[in-house]
Amino acid sequence: MLQRISVRQAQRNQVQTKINWRFNTADARIKLKRLYPSFNSGVTVYQYRKGKA
């Protein structure tokens, strides 16, 4: 199994396969806003974690 994985990895690296991201950083910030709060809003990490934001 490990040998097959190594062969496949070597083939993939040889053709320099690119990643096709589904969304950019700006979209990710919007979609994941509740996981990654903006600290420019004046809300502290403590307030955010305690649900007081």
C-alpha atoms as a PDB file:
ATOM      1  CA  MET A   1       0.000   0.000   0.000  1.00  0.00           C
ATOM      2  CA  LEU A   2       2.731   2.481   0.926  1.00  0.00           C
ATOM      3  CA  GLN A   3       4.576   1.675  -2.284  1.00  0.00           C
ATOM      4  CA  ARG A   4       1.456   2.446  -4.373  1.00  0.00           C
ATOM      5  CA  ILE A   5       0.984   5.719  -2.527  1.00  0.00           C
ATOM      6  CA  SER A   6       4.622   6.666  -3.109  1.00  0.00           C
ATOM      7  CA  VAL A   7       4.359   5.914  -6.835  1.00  0.00           C
ATOM      8  CA  ARG A   8       1.163   7.936  -7.147  1.00  0.00           C
ATOM      9  CA  GLN A   9       2.677  10.821  -5.197  1.00  0.00           C
ATOM     10  CA  ALA A  10       5.756  10.826  -7.426  1.00  0.00           C
ATOM     11  CA  GLN A  11       3.559  10.877 -10.554  1.00  0.00           C
ATOM     12  CA  ARG A  12       1.468  13.735  -9.187  1.00  0.00           C
ATOM     13  CA  ASN A  13       4.556  15.733  -8.261  1.00  0.00           C
ATOM     14  CA  GLN A  14       6.091  15.147 -11.669  1.00  0.00           C
ATOM     15  CA  VAL A  15       3.141  16.732 -13.516  1.00  0.00           C
ATOM     16  CA  GLN A  16       2.978  19.527 -10.918  1.00  0.00           C
ATOM     17  CA  THR A  17      -0.734  19.192 -10.269  1.00  0.00           C
ATOM     18  CA  LYS A  18      -2.305  22.476  -9.137  1.00  0.00           C
ATOM     19  CA  ILE A  19      -4.988  22.975  -6.513  1.00  0.00           C
ATOM     20  CA  ASN A  20      -8.281  24.416  -7.719  1.00  0.00           C
ATOM     21  CA  TRP A  21      -9.480  26.388  -4.698  1.00  0.00           C
ATOM     22  CA  ARG A  22     -13.258  26.780  -4.558  1.00  0.00           C
ATOM     23  CA  PHE A  23     -13.172  30.232  -2.974  1.00  0.00           C
ATOM     24  CA  ASN A  24     -10.650  32.946  -2.219  1.00  0.00           C
ATOM     25  CA  THR A  25      -9.518  34.417   1.091  1.00  0.00           C
ATOM     26  CA  ALA A  26     -12.148  37.180   1.085  1.00  0.00           C
ATOM     27  CA  ASP A  27     -14.940  34.641   0.538  1.00  0.00           C
ATOM     28  CA  ALA A  28     -13.492  32.390   3.242  1.00  0.00           C
ATOM     29  CA  ARG A  29     -13.524  35.247   5.744  1.00  0.00           C
ATOM     30  CA  ILE A  30     -17.220  35.813   5.014  1.00  0.00           C
ATOM     31  CA  LYS A  31     -18.150  32.125   5.133  1.00  0.00           C
ATOM     32  CA  LEU A  32     -16.079  31.346   8.249  1.00  0.00           C
ATOM     33  CA  LYS A  33     -16.745  34.609  10.069  1.00  0.00           C
ATOM     34  CA  ARG A  34     -17.988  32.932  13.234  1.00  0.00           C
ATOM     35  CA  LEU A  35     -14.841  30.781  13.448  1.00  0.00           C
ATOM     36  CA  TYR A  36     -12.392  33.619  12.734  1.00  0.00           C
ATOM     37  CA  PRO A  37     -13.690  36.841  14.245  1.00  0.00           C
ATOM     38  CA  SER A  38     -12.359  40.216  13.200  1.00  0.00           C
ATOM     39  CA  PHE A  39     -10.472  41.809  16.067  1.00  0.00           C
ATOM     40  CA  ASN A  40     -10.830  45.258  14.525  1.00  0.00           C
ATOM     41  CA  SER A  41     -14.375  45.366  15.932  1.00  0.00           C
ATOM     42  CA  GLY A  42     -13.086  45.951  19.466  1.00  0.00           C
ATOM     43  CA  VAL A  43     -14.264  42.523  20.658  1.00  0.00           C
ATOM     44  CA  THR A  44     -11.706  40.677  22.740  1.00  0.00           C
ATOM     45  CA  VAL A  45     -10.953  36.971  22.375  1.00  0.00           C
ATOM     46  CA  TYR A  46     -12.324  36.428  25.875  1.00  0.00           C
ATOM     47  CA  GLN A  47     -15.642  38.106  25.031  1.00  0.00           C
ATOM     48  CA  TYR A  48     -15.919  36.148  21.807  1.00  0.00           C
ATOM     49  CA  ARG A  49     -15.254  32.783  23.441  1.00  0.00           C
ATOM     50  CA  LYS A  50     -17.734  33.464  26.233  1.00  0.00           C
ATOM     51  CA  GLY A  51     -20.431  34.434  23.702  1.00  0.00           C
ATOM     52  CA  LYS A  52     -20.552  38.027  24.896  1.00  0.00           C
ATOM     53  CA  ALA A  53     -19.671  39.533  21.544  1.00  0.00           C
END
